[in-house]
PDB file of N, CA and C in Angstrom:
ATOM      1  N   MET A   1       0.844  -1.184   0.000  1.00  0.00           N
ATOM      2  CA  MET A   1       0.000   0.000   0.000  1.00  0.00           C
ATOM      3  C   MET A   1       0.881   1.236   0.000  1.00  0.00           C
ATOM      4  N   PRO A   2       0.430   2.287  -0.677  1.00  0.00           N
ATOM      5  CA  PRO A   2       1.218   3.523  -0.662  1.00  0.00           C
ATOM      6  C   PRO A   2       1.242   4.129   0.737  1.00  0.00           C
ATOM      7  N   GLU A   3       2.382   4.747   1.071  1.00  0.00           N
ATOM      8  CA  GLU A   3       2.486   5.390   2.381  1.00  0.00           C
ATOM      9  C   GLU A   3       1.563   6.598   2.465  1.00  0.00           C
ATOM     10  N   ASN A   4       1.395   7.298   1.367  1.00  0.00           N
ATOM     11  CA  ASN A   4       0.475   8.435   1.283  1.00  0.00           C
ATOM     12  C   ASN A   4      -0.541   8.127   0.201  1.00  0.00           C
ATOM     13  N   ASN A   5      -1.784   8.500   0.420  1.00  0.00           N
ATOM     14  CA  ASN A   5      -2.792   8.191  -0.579  1.00  0.00           C
ATOM     15  C   ASN A   5      -3.531   9.426  -1.095  1.00  0.00           C
ATOM     16  N   ARG A   6      -3.014  10.613  -0.773  1.00  0.00           N
ATOM     17  CA  ARG A   6      -3.638  11.861  -1.242  1.00  0.00           C
ATOM     18  C   ARG A   6      -2.534  12.812  -1.685  1.00  0.00           C
ATOM     19  N   PHE A   7      -2.648  13.295  -2.917  1.00  0.00           N
ATOM     20  CA  PHE A   7      -1.640  14.175  -3.489  1.00  0.00           C
ATOM     21  C   PHE A   7      -2.318  15.322  -4.221  1.00  0.00           C
ATOM     22  N   GLY A   8      -1.593  16.400  -4.402  1.00  0.00           N
ATOM     23  CA  GLY A   8      -2.103  17.534  -5.168  1.00  0.00           C
ATOM     24  C   GLY A   8      -2.417  18.700  -4.271  1.00  0.00           C
ATOM     25  N   PRO A   9      -3.316  19.565  -4.725  1.00  0.00           N
ATOM     26  CA  PRO A   9      -3.688  20.727  -3.915  1.00  0.00           C
ATOM     27  C   PRO A   9      -4.503  20.269  -2.703  1.00  0.00           C
ATOM     28  N   LEU A  10      -3.819  20.065  -1.599  1.00  0.00           N
ATOM     29  CA  LEU A  10      -4.430  19.442  -0.423  1.00  0.00           C
ATOM     30  C   LEU A  10      -5.433  20.341   0.294  1.00  0.00           C
ATOM     31  N   ASP A  11      -5.474  21.616  -0.081  1.00  0.00           N
ATOM     32  CA  ASP A  11      -6.428  22.511   0.563  1.00  0.00           C
ATOM     33  C   ASP A  11      -7.818  22.440  -0.081  1.00  0.00           C
ATOM     34  N   LEU A  12      -7.936  21.724  -1.190  1.00  0.00           N
ATOM     35  CA  LEU A  12      -9.237  21.571  -1.841  1.00  0.00           C
ATOM     36  C   LEU A  12     -10.080  20.525  -1.122  1.00  0.00           C
ATOM     37  N   PRO A  13     -11.374  20.797  -0.974  1.00  0.00           N
ATOM     38  CA  PRO A  13     -12.251  19.743  -0.462  1.00  0.00           C
ATOM     39  C   PRO A  13     -12.399  18.667  -1.537  1.00  0.00           C
ATOM     40  N   ILE A  14     -12.659  17.460  -1.117  1.00  0.00           N
ATOM     41  CA  ILE A  14     -12.811  16.376  -2.078  1.00  0.00           C
ATOM     42  C   ILE A  14     -14.277  16.261  -2.464  1.00  0.00           C
ATOM     43  N   ASP A  15     -14.547  16.592  -3.725  1.00  0.00           N
ATOM     44  CA  ASP A  15     -15.878  16.380  -4.270  1.00  0.00           C
ATOM     45  C   ASP A  15     -15.729  15.823  -5.681  1.00  0.00           C
ATOM     46  N   ALA A  16     -16.832  15.568  -6.332  1.00  0.00           N
ATOM     47  CA  ALA A  16     -16.806  14.880  -7.628  1.00  0.00           C
ATOM     48  C   ALA A  16     -16.058  15.651  -8.707  1.00  0.00           C
ATOM     49  N   GLU A  17     -15.944  16.966  -8.576  1.00  0.00           N
ATOM     50  CA  GLU A  17     -15.338  17.766  -9.638  1.00  0.00           C
ATOM     51  C   GLU A  17     -13.860  18.063  -9.457  1.00  0.00           C
ATOM     52  N   ASN A  18     -13.307  17.917  -8.262  1.00  0.00           N
ATOM     53  CA  ASN A  18     -11.916  18.344  -8.068  1.00  0.00           C
ATOM     54  C   ASN A  18     -10.988  17.235  -7.592  1.00  0.00           C
ATOM     55  N   HIS A  19     -11.345  15.986  -7.870  1.00  0.00           N
ATOM     56  CA  HIS A  19     -10.419  14.911  -7.523  1.00  0.00           C
ATOM     57  C   HIS A  19     -10.468  13.787  -8.560  1.00  0.00           C
ATOM     58  N   VAL A  20      -9.400  13.025  -8.565  1.00  0.00           N
ATOM     59  CA  VAL A  20      -9.248  11.850  -9.421  1.00  0.00           C
ATOM     60  C   VAL A  20      -8.911  10.687  -8.496  1.00  0.00           C
ATOM     61  N   THR A  21      -9.568   9.554  -8.684  1.00  0.00           N
ATOM     62  CA  THR A  21      -9.282   8.382  -7.869  1.00  0.00           C
ATOM     63  C   THR A  21      -8.501   7.366  -8.688  1.00  0.00           C
ATOM     64  N   MET A  22      -7.310   7.030  -8.202  1.00  0.00           N
ATOM     65  CA  MET A  22      -6.475   6.000  -8.805  1.00  0.00           C
ATOM     66  C   MET A  22      -6.571   4.771  -7.919  1.00  0.00           C
ATOM     67  N   THR A  23      -6.795   3.610  -8.526  1.00  0.00           N
ATOM     68  CA  THR A  23      -6.880   2.388  -7.735  1.00  0.00           C
ATOM     69  C   THR A  23      -5.484   1.930  -7.313  1.00  0.00           C
ATOM     70  N   VAL A  24      -5.441   1.067  -6.333  1.00  0.00           N
ATOM     71  CA  VAL A  24      -4.167   0.553  -5.845  1.00  0.00           C
ATOM     72  C   VAL A  24      -3.445  -0.234  -6.935  1.00  0.00           C
ATOM     73  N   ASP A  25      -4.177  -0.976  -7.760  1.00  0.00           N
ATOM     74  CA  ASP A  25      -3.521  -1.708  -8.841  1.00  0.00           C
ATOM     75  C   ASP A  25      -2.963  -0.762  -9.901  1.00  0.00           C
ATOM     76  N   GLU A  26      -3.630   0.366 -10.151  1.00  0.00           N
ATOM     77  CA  GLU A  26      -3.083   1.373 -11.063  1.00  0.00           C
ATOM     78  C   GLU A  26      -1.809   1.986 -10.473  1.00  0.00           C
ATOM     79  N   TYR A  27      -1.865   2.305  -9.195  1.00  0.00           N
ATOM     80  CA  TYR A  27      -0.677   2.827  -8.500  1.00  0.00           C
ATOM     81  C   TYR A  27       0.494   1.853  -8.612  1.00  0.00           C
ATOM     82  N   GLU A  28       0.210   0.566  -8.445  1.00  0.00           N
ATOM     83  CA  GLU A  28       1.279  -0.425  -8.470  1.00  0.00           C
ATOM     84  C   GLU A  28       1.920  -0.521  -9.849  1.00  0.00           C
ATOM     85  N   THR A  29       1.137  -0.403 -10.919  1.00  0.00           N
ATOM     86  CA  THR A  29       1.747  -0.429 -12.253  1.00  0.00           C
ATOM     87  C   THR A  29       2.643   0.782 -12.466  1.00  0.00           C
ATOM     88  N   ILE A  30       2.227   1.938 -12.005  1.00  0.00           N
ATOM     89  CA  ILE A  30       3.062   3.147 -12.114  1.00  0.00           C
ATOM     90  C   ILE A  30       4.349   2.947 -11.318  1.00  0.00           C
ATOM     91  N   ARG A  31       4.223   2.415 -10.106  1.00  0.00           N
ATOM     92  CA  ARG A  31       5.397   2.210  -9.260  1.00  0.00           C
ATOM     93  C   ARG A  31       6.372   1.225  -9.894  1.00  0.00           C
ATOM     94  N   LEU A  32       5.856   0.097 -10.344  1.00  0.00           N
ATOM     95  CA  LEU A  32       6.739  -0.926 -10.905  1.00  0.00           C
ATOM     96  C   LEU A  32       7.383  -0.492 -12.223  1.00  0.00           C
ATOM     97  N   ILE A  33       6.607   0.093 -13.113  1.00  0.00           N
ATOM     98  CA  ILE A  33       7.128   0.449 -14.433  1.00  0.00           C
ATOM     99  C   ILE A  33       7.929   1.745 -14.393  1.00  0.00           C
ATOM    100  N   ASP A  34       7.366   2.799 -13.840  1.00  0.00           N
ATOM    101  CA  ASP A  34       8.021   4.109 -13.899  1.00  0.00           C
ATOM    102  C   ASP A  34       9.080   4.315 -12.824  1.00  0.00           C
ATOM    103  N   GLN A  35       8.866   3.803 -11.631  1.00  0.00           N
ATOM    104  CA  GLN A  35       9.863   3.996 -10.577  1.00  0.00           C
ATOM    105  C   GLN A  35      10.888   2.866 -10.542  1.00  0.00           C
ATOM    106  N   GLU A  36      10.428   1.638 -10.582  1.00  0.00           N
ATOM    107  CA  GLU A  36      11.335   0.494 -10.461  1.00  0.00           C
ATOM    108  C   GLU A  36      11.980   0.097 -11.797  1.00  0.00           C
ATOM    109  N   GLY A  37      11.446   0.588 -12.909  1.00  0.00           N
ATOM    110  CA  GLY A  37      12.030   0.303 -14.207  1.00  0.00           C
ATOM    111  C   GLY A  37      11.667  -1.051 -14.798  1.00  0.00           C
ATOM    112  N   PHE A  38      10.598  -1.671 -14.307  1.00  0.00           N
ATOM    113  CA  PHE A  38      10.163  -2.951 -14.848  1.00  0.00           C
ATOM    114  C   PHE A  38       9.591  -2.755 -16.250  1.00  0.00           C
ATOM    115  N   THR A  39       9.721  -3.771 -17.087  1.00  0.00           N
ATOM    116  CA  THR A  39       8.988  -3.794 -18.346  1.00  0.00           C
ATOM    117  C   THR A  39       7.547  -4.172 -18.021  1.00  0.00           C
ATOM    118  N   GLN A  40       6.653  -4.008 -18.999  1.00  0.00           N
ATOM    119  CA  GLN A  40       5.274  -4.435 -18.764  1.00  0.00           C
ATOM    120  C   GLN A  40       5.206  -5.932 -18.510  1.00  0.00           C
ATOM    121  N   GLU A  41       6.050  -6.691 -19.180  1.00  0.00           N
ATOM    122  CA  GLU A  41       6.093  -8.143 -18.978  1.00  0.00           C
ATOM    123  C   GLU A  41       6.514  -8.479 -17.554  1.00  0.00           C
ATOM    124  N   GLU A  42       7.570  -7.814 -17.056  1.00  0.00           N
ATOM    125  CA  GLU A  42       8.038  -8.051 -15.687  1.00  0.00           C
ATOM    126  C   GLU A  42       6.997  -7.604 -14.667  1.00  0.00           C
ATOM    127  N   CYS A  43       6.343  -6.491 -14.956  1.00  0.00           N
ATOM    128  CA  CYS A  43       5.279  -5.996 -14.076  1.00  0.00           C
ATOM    129  C   CYS A  43       4.137  -7.014 -14.008  1.00  0.00           C
ATOM    130  N   ALA A  44       3.761  -7.546 -15.158  1.00  0.00           N
ATOM    131  CA  ALA A  44       2.684  -8.544 -15.207  1.00  0.00           C
ATOM    132  C   ALA A  44       3.038  -9.767 -14.384  1.00  0.00           C
ATOM    133  N   LYS A  45       4.273 -10.208 -14.490  1.00  0.00           N
ATOM    134  CA  LYS A  45       4.713 -11.373 -13.723  1.00  0.00           C
ATOM    135  C   LYS A  45       4.661 -11.079 -12.224  1.00  0.00           C
ATOM    136  N   GLN A  46       5.139  -9.919 -11.823  1.00  0.00           N
ATOM    137  CA  GLN A  46       5.127  -9.529 -10.401  1.00  0.00           C
ATOM    138  C   GLN A  46       3.704  -9.452  -9.856  1.00  0.00           C
ATOM    139  N   MET A  47       2.782  -8.930 -10.676  1.00  0.00           N
ATOM    140  CA  MET A  47       1.402  -8.751 -10.241  1.00  0.00           C
ATOM    141  C   MET A  47       0.537  -9.983 -10.502  1.00  0.00           C
ATOM    142  N   ASN A  48       1.108 -10.984 -11.189  1.00  0.00           N
ATOM    143  CA  ASN A  48       0.409 -12.236 -11.475  1.00  0.00           C
ATOM    144  C   ASN A  48      -0.841 -12.013 -12.331  1.00  0.00           C
ATOM    145  N   ILE A  49      -0.680 -11.188 -13.374  1.00  0.00           N
ATOM    146  CA  ILE A  49      -1.753 -10.918 -14.322  1.00  0.00           C
ATOM    147  C   ILE A  49      -1.161 -10.916 -15.733  1.00  0.00           C
ATOM    148  N   ALA A  50      -2.002 -10.852 -16.735  1.00  0.00           N
ATOM    149  CA  ALA A  50      -1.551 -10.837 -18.127  1.00  0.00           C
ATOM    150  C   ALA A  50      -0.894  -9.504 -18.479  1.00  0.00           C
ATOM    151  N   ARG A  51       0.059  -9.547 -19.403  1.00  0.00           N
ATOM    152  CA  ARG A  51       0.725  -8.315 -19.835  1.00  0.00           C
ATOM    153  C   ARG A  51      -0.272  -7.342 -20.454  1.00  0.00           C
ATOM    154  N   SER A  52      -1.236  -7.851 -21.211  1.00  0.00           N
ATOM    155  CA  SER A  52      -2.243  -6.972 -21.814  1.00  0.00           C
ATOM    156  C   SER A  52      -3.086  -6.277 -20.745  1.00  0.00           C
ATOM    157  N   THR A  53      -3.326  -6.950 -19.630  1.00  0.00           N
ATOM    158  CA  THR A  53      -4.046  -6.339 -18.520  1.00  0.00           C
ATOM    159  C   THR A  53      -3.208  -5.240 -17.893  1.00  0.00           C
ATOM    160  N   VAL A  54      -1.910  -5.492 -17.715  1.00  0.00           N
ATOM    161  CA  VAL A  54      -1.006  -4.458 -17.192  1.00  0.00           C
ATOM    162  C   VAL A  54      -1.044  -3.236 -18.099  1.00  0.00           C
ATOM    163  N   GLN A  55      -0.992  -3.472 -19.405  1.00  0.00           N
ATOM    164  CA  GLN A  55      -0.984  -2.363 -20.354  1.00  0.00           C
ATOM    165  C   GLN A  55      -2.233  -1.488 -20.183  1.00  0.00           C
ATOM    166  N   GLY A  56      -3.395  -2.106 -20.068  1.00  0.00           N
ATOM    167  CA  GLY A  56      -4.632  -1.353 -19.883  1.00  0.00           C
ATOM    168  C   GLY A  56      -4.663  -0.595 -18.570  1.00  0.00           C
ATOM    169  N   ILE A  57      -4.228  -1.237 -17.496  1.00  0.00           N
ATOM    170  CA  ILE A  57      -4.187  -0.588 -16.179  1.00  0.00           C
ATOM    171  C   ILE A  57      -3.224   0.598 -16.215  1.00  0.00           C
ATOM    172  N   TYR A  58      -2.068   0.400 -16.825  1.00  0.00           N
ATOM    173  CA  TYR A  58      -1.032   1.432 -16.914  1.00  0.00           C
ATOM    174  C   TYR A  58      -1.513   2.647 -17.712  1.00  0.00           C
ATOM    175  N   ILE A  59      -2.186   2.410 -18.828  1.00  0.00           N
ATOM    176  CA  ILE A  59      -2.716   3.511 -19.639  1.00  0.00           C
ATOM    177  C   ILE A  59      -3.703   4.344 -18.826  1.00  0.00           C
ATOM    178  N   GLU A  60      -4.618   3.675 -18.125  1.00  0.00           N
ATOM    179  CA  GLU A  60      -5.600   4.400 -17.306  1.00  0.00           C
ATOM    180  C   GLU A  60      -4.921   5.168 -16.173  1.00  0.00           C
ATOM    181  N   ALA A  61      -3.925   4.563 -15.547  1.00  0.00           N
ATOM    182  CA  ALA A  61      -3.217   5.223 -14.446  1.00  0.00           C
ATOM    183  C   ALA A  61      -2.526   6.496 -14.930  1.00  0.00           C
ATOM    184  N   ARG A  62      -1.893   6.440 -16.089  1.00  0.00           N
ATOM    185  CA  ARG A  62      -1.204   7.617 -16.628  1.00  0.00           C
ATOM    186  C   ARG A  62      -2.188   8.711 -17.003  1.00  0.00           C
ATOM    187  N   LYS A  63      -3.355   8.363 -17.520  1.00  0.00           N
ATOM    188  CA  LYS A  63      -4.392   9.358 -17.813  1.00  0.00           C
ATOM    189  C   LYS A  63      -4.821  10.074 -16.539  1.00  0.00           C
ATOM    190  N   LYS A  64      -4.963   9.305 -15.464  1.00  0.00           N
ATOM    191  CA  LYS A  64      -5.378   9.887 -14.191  1.00  0.00           C
ATOM    192  C   LYS A  64      -4.301  10.801 -13.614  1.00  0.00           C
ATOM    193  N   LEU A  65      -3.036  10.393 -13.726  1.00  0.00           N
ATOM    194  CA  LEU A  65      -1.936  11.254 -13.283  1.00  0.00           C
ATOM    195  C   LEU A  65      -1.935  12.561 -14.063  1.00  0.00           C
ATOM    196  N   ALA A  66      -2.070  12.475 -15.373  1.00  0.00           N
ATOM    197  CA  ALA A  66      -2.086  13.671 -16.213  1.00  0.00           C
ATOM    198  C   ALA A  66      -3.257  14.579 -15.849  1.00  0.00           C
ATOM    199  N   ASN A  67      -4.424  14.022 -15.644  1.00  0.00           N
ATOM    200  CA  ASN A  67      -5.600  14.805 -15.268  1.00  0.00           C
ATOM    201  C   ASN A  67      -5.353  15.554 -13.964  1.00  0.00           C
ATOM    202  N   SER A  68      -4.777  14.871 -12.991  1.00  0.00           N
ATOM    203  CA  SER A  68      -4.490  15.491 -11.707  1.00  0.00           C
ATOM    204  C   SER A  68      -3.474  16.625 -11.851  1.00  0.00           C
ATOM    205  N   LEU A  69      -2.393  16.372 -12.560  1.00  0.00           N
ATOM    206  CA  LEU A  69      -1.337  17.376 -12.719  1.00  0.00           C
ATOM    207  C   LEU A  69      -1.774  18.565 -13.570  1.00  0.00           C
ATOM    208  N   VAL A  70      -2.350  18.295 -14.711  1.00  0.00           N
ATOM    209  CA  VAL A  70      -2.705  19.358 -15.652  1.00  0.00           C
ATOM    210  C   VAL A  70      -3.871  20.194 -15.150  1.00  0.00           C
ATOM    211  N   ASN A  71      -4.854  19.558 -14.532  1.00  0.00           N
ATOM    212  CA  ASN A  71      -6.060  20.265 -14.109  1.00  0.00           C
ATOM    213  C   ASN A  71      -6.069  20.628 -12.628  1.00  0.00           C
ATOM    214  N   GLY A  72      -4.979  20.365 -11.912  1.00  0.00           N
ATOM    215  CA  GLY A  72      -4.881  20.747 -10.499  1.00  0.00           C
ATOM    216  C   GLY A  72      -5.873  20.043  -9.610  1.00  0.00           C
ATOM    217  N   LYS A  73      -6.106  18.768  -9.876  1.00  0.00           N
ATOM    218  CA  LYS A  73      -7.052  17.999  -9.070  1.00  0.00           C
ATOM    219  C   LYS A  73      -6.314  17.170  -8.031  1.00  0.00           C
ATOM    220  N   VAL A  74      -6.982  16.920  -6.921  1.00  0.00           N
ATOM    221  CA  VAL A  74      -6.450  16.040  -5.887  1.00  0.00           C
ATOM    222  C   VAL A  74      -6.432  14.618  -6.435  1.00  0.00           C
ATOM    223  N   LEU A  75      -5.339  13.906  -6.209  1.00  0.00           N
ATOM    224  CA  LEU A  75      -5.222  12.501  -6.607  1.00  0.00           C
ATOM    225  C   LEU A  75      -5.362  11.643  -5.356  1.00  0.00           C
ATOM    226  N   LEU A  76      -6.384  10.788  -5.343  1.00  0.00           N
ATOM    227  CA  LEU A  76      -6.602   9.853  -4.237  1.00  0.00           C
ATOM    228  C   LEU A  76      -6.250   8.452  -4.724  1.00  0.00           C
ATOM    229  N   ILE A  77      -5.565   7.683  -3.897  1.00  0.00           N
ATOM    230  CA  ILE A  77      -5.252   6.298  -4.229  1.00  0.00           C
ATOM    231  C   ILE A  77      -6.023   5.411  -3.266  1.00  0.00           C
ATOM    232  N   GLU A  78      -6.981   4.659  -3.825  1.00  0.00           N
ATOM    233  CA  GLU A  78      -7.807   3.781  -2.998  1.00  0.00           C
ATOM    234  C   GLU A  78      -8.589   2.822  -3.879  1.00  0.00           C
ATOM    235  N   GLY A  79      -8.968   1.708  -3.307  1.00  0.00           N
ATOM    236  CA  GLY A  79      -9.823   0.752  -3.993  1.00  0.00           C
ATOM    237  C   GLY A  79      -9.106  -0.053  -5.062  1.00  0.00           C
ATOM    238  N   GLY A  80      -9.881  -0.755  -5.853  1.00  0.00           N
ATOM    239  CA  GLY A  80      -9.333  -1.584  -6.910  1.00  0.00           C
ATOM    240  C   GLY A  80      -9.380  -3.051  -6.542  1.00  0.00           C
ATOM    241  N   GLU A  81      -8.825  -3.876  -7.424  1.00  0.00           N
ATOM    242  CA  GLU A  81      -8.793  -5.319  -7.199  1.00  0.00           C
ATOM    243  C   GLU A  81      -7.360  -5.724  -6.907  1.00  0.00           C
ATOM    244  N   TYR A  82      -7.096  -6.116  -5.681  1.00  0.00           N
ATOM    245  CA  TYR A  82      -5.743  -6.495  -5.302  1.00  0.00           C
ATOM    246  C   TYR A  82      -5.767  -7.371  -4.070  1.00  0.00           C
ATOM    247  N   ARG A  83      -4.640  -8.021  -3.816  1.00  0.00           N
ATOM    248  CA  ARG A  83      -4.461  -8.840  -2.622  1.00  0.00           C
ATOM    249  C   ARG A  83      -3.056  -8.579  -2.113  1.00  0.00           C
ATOM    250  N   LEU A  84      -2.937  -8.289  -0.831  1.00  0.00           N
ATOM    251  CA  LEU A  84      -1.631  -8.063  -0.218  1.00  0.00           C
ATOM    252  C   LEU A  84      -1.135  -9.356   0.398  1.00  0.00           C
ATOM    253  N   CYS A  85       0.156  -9.591   0.303  1.00  0.00           N
ATOM    254  CA  CYS A  85       0.748 -10.756   0.973  1.00  0.00           C
ATOM    255  C   CYS A  85       0.645 -10.577   2.471  1.00  0.00           C
ATOM    256  N   GLU A  86       0.539 -11.682   3.176  1.00  0.00           N
ATOM    257  CA  GLU A  86       0.422 -11.617   4.624  1.00  0.00           C
ATOM    258  C   GLU A  86       1.766 -11.514   5.318  1.00  0.00           C
ATOM    259  N   GLY A  87       2.828 -11.835   4.640  1.00  0.00           N
ATOM    260  CA  GLY A  87       4.148 -11.786   5.259  1.00  0.00           C
ATOM    261  C   GLY A  87       5.143 -12.570   4.456  1.00  0.00           C
ATOM    262  N   LEU A  88       6.247 -12.890   5.036  1.00  0.00           N
ATOM    263  CA  LEU A  88       7.322 -13.581   4.336  1.00  0.00           C
ATOM    264  C   LEU A  88       6.861 -14.929   3.813  1.00  0.00           C
ATOM    265  N   GLY A  89       6.663 -14.987   2.508  1.00  0.00           N
ATOM    266  CA  GLY A  89       6.290 -16.243   1.870  1.00  0.00           C
ATOM    267  C   GLY A  89       4.850 -16.663   2.085  1.00  0.00           C
ATOM    268  N   ASN A  90       4.077 -15.926   2.856  1.00  0.00           N
ATOM    269  CA  ASN A  90       2.674 -16.279   3.101  1.00  0.00           C
ATOM    270  C   ASN A  90       1.775 -15.362   2.288  1.00  0.00           C
ATOM    271  N   GLY A  91       0.748 -15.894   1.728  1.00  0.00           N
ATOM    272  CA  GLY A  91      -0.223 -15.055   1.042  1.00  0.00           C
ATOM    273  C   GLY A  91      -0.184 -15.195  -0.453  1.00  0.00           C
ATOM    274  N   CYS A  92       0.805 -14.622  -1.114  1.00  0.00           N
ATOM    275  CA  CYS A  92       0.772 -14.600  -2.573  1.00  0.00           C
ATOM    276  C   CYS A  92       1.330 -15.874  -3.181  1.00  0.00           C
ATOM    277  N   GLY A  93       2.180 -16.568  -2.500  1.00  0.00           N
ATOM    278  CA  GLY A  93       2.736 -17.790  -3.031  1.00  0.00           C
ATOM    279  C   GLY A  93       3.756 -17.593  -4.126  1.00  0.00           C
ATOM    280  N   ARG A  94       4.171 -16.365  -4.363  1.00  0.00           N
ATOM    281  CA  ARG A  94       5.103 -16.069  -5.437  1.00  0.00           C
ATOM    282  C   ARG A  94       6.533 -15.931  -4.935  1.00  0.00           C
ATOM    283  N   GLY A  95       6.763 -16.117  -3.653  1.00  0.00           N
ATOM    284  CA  GLY A  95       8.123 -16.019  -3.132  1.00  0.00           C
ATOM    285  C   GLY A  95       8.696 -14.628  -3.266  1.00  0.00           C
ATOM    286  N   CYS A  96       7.886 -13.629  -2.979  1.00  0.00           N
ATOM    287  CA  CYS A  96       8.322 -12.232  -3.148  1.00  0.00           C
ATOM    288  C   CYS A  96       9.602 -11.959  -2.375  1.00  0.00           C
ATOM    289  N   HIS A  97      10.476 -11.215  -3.000  1.00  0.00           N
ATOM    290  CA  HIS A  97      11.716 -10.795  -2.354  1.00  0.00           C
ATOM    291  C   HIS A  97      11.778  -9.278  -2.306  1.00  0.00           C
ATOM    292  N   ARG A  98      10.641  -8.674  -2.048  1.00  0.00           N
ATOM    293  CA  ARG A  98      10.557  -7.226  -2.074  1.00  0.00           C
ATOM    294  C   ARG A  98      10.350  -6.690  -0.665  1.00  0.00           C
ATOM    295  N   HIS A  99      11.050  -7.266   0.295  1.00  0.00           N
ATOM    296  CA  HIS A  99      10.852  -6.917   1.699  1.00  0.00           C
ATOM    297  C   HIS A  99      11.508  -5.600   2.078  1.00  0.00           C
ATOM    298  N   ARG A 100      12.440  -5.122   1.256  1.00  0.00           N
ATOM    299  CA  ARG A 100      13.215  -3.934   1.606  1.00  0.00           C
ATOM    300  C   ARG A 100      12.352  -2.704   1.838  1.00  0.00           C
ATOM    301  N   ARG A 101      11.183  -2.633   1.194  1.00  0.00           N
ATOM    302  CA  ARG A 101      10.347  -1.466   1.349  1.00  0.00           C
ATOM    303  C   ARG A 101       9.029  -1.784   2.031  1.00  0.00           C
ATOM    304  N   GLY A 102       8.882  -3.024   2.453  1.00  0.00           N
ATOM    305  CA  GLY A 102       7.678  -3.392   3.178  1.00  0.00           C
ATOM    306  C   GLY A 102       6.444  -3.534   2.304  1.00  0.00           C
ATOM    307  N   ARG A 103       6.615  -3.533   0.988  1.00  0.00           N
ATOM    308  CA  ARG A 103       5.471  -3.682   0.104  1.00  0.00           C
ATOM    309  C   ARG A 103       5.531  -5.042  -0.548  1.00  0.00           C
ATOM    310  N   ARG A 104       4.510  -5.828  -0.365  1.00  0.00           N
ATOM    311  CA  ARG A 104       4.414  -7.122  -1.024  1.00  0.00           C
ATOM    312  C   ARG A 104       3.049  -7.168  -1.676  1.00  0.00           C
ATOM    313  N   PHE A 105       2.973  -7.034  -2.990  1.00  0.00           N
ATOM    314  CA  PHE A 105       1.713  -6.825  -3.675  1.00  0.00           C
ATOM    315  C   PHE A 105       1.551  -7.778  -4.842  1.00  0.00           C
ATOM    316  N   ILE A 106       0.392  -8.327  -4.974  1.00  0.00           N
ATOM    317  CA  ILE A 106      -0.015  -8.904  -6.244  1.00  0.00           C
ATOM    318  C   ILE A 106      -1.477  -8.531  -6.457  1.00  0.00           C
ATOM    319  N   ASN A 107      -1.890  -8.553  -7.664  1.00  0.00           N
ATOM    320  CA  ASN A 107      -3.239  -8.186  -8.013  1.00  0.00           C
ATOM    321  C   ASN A 107      -4.079  -9.438  -8.135  1.00  0.00           C
ATOM    322  N   ASP A 108      -5.211  -9.473  -7.490  1.00  0.00           N
ATOM    323  CA  ASP A 108      -6.150 -10.583  -7.622  1.00  0.00           C
ATOM    324  C   ASP A 108      -7.126 -10.194  -8.704  1.00  0.00           C
ATOM    325  N   ASP A 109      -6.764 -10.437  -9.954  1.00  0.00           N
ATOM    326  CA  ASP A 109      -7.417  -9.832 -11.106  1.00  0.00           C
ATOM    327  C   ASP A 109      -8.199 -10.835 -11.939  1.00  0.00           C
ATOM    328  N   ALA A 110      -8.663 -11.918 -11.385  1.00  0.00           N
ATOM    329  CA  ALA A 110      -9.275 -12.981 -12.169  1.00  0.00           C
ATOM    330  C   ALA A 110     -10.568 -12.534 -12.857  1.00  0.00           C
ATOM    331  N   ASP A 111     -11.297 -11.593 -12.275  1.00  0.00           N
ATOM    332  CA  ASP A 111     -12.594 -11.216 -12.842  1.00  0.00           C
ATOM    333  C   ASP A 111     -12.569  -9.926 -13.626  1.00  0.00           C
ATOM    334  N   ARG A 112     -11.426  -9.284 -13.785  1.00  0.00           N
ATOM    335  CA  ARG A 112     -11.358  -8.000 -14.479  1.00  0.00           C
ATOM    336  C   ARG A 112     -11.587  -8.210 -15.984  1.00  0.00           C
ATOM    337  N   ASP A 113     -12.368  -7.343 -16.586  1.00  0.00           N
ATOM    338  CA  ASP A 113     -12.636  -7.402 -18.030  1.00  0.00           C
ATOM    339  C   ASP A 113     -11.841  -6.312 -18.727  1.00  0.00           C
ATOM    340  N   SER A 114     -10.549  -6.484 -18.863  1.00  0.00           N
ATOM    341  CA  SER A 114      -9.729  -5.464 -19.512  1.00  0.00           C
ATOM    342  C   SER A 114      -9.405  -5.838 -20.910  1.00  0.00           C
TER     343      SER A 114
END
């Protein structure tokens, strides 16, 4: 989970017209691809979903980032379809080795129609 889930002009009240909601799975694709330097294929493997699904999630996430930045809207990160690992080797079953930052994430995306 992100350490902070609200970004942008923080003095604005949150209503339907001045905020953008990014899901946790969208946030994770941005983090893995743009910050960690993963390819879409590597991101898909980490999140345990199809590469084409990653591509769709990533496109939507970037649109939301642009909307927030260009239009001065608050960006909220919440919701979405995901499952967090319970701890070292428990939960995701993927043998995550991403303990350095305390984030162990995979997406439970079996029902998504992307």
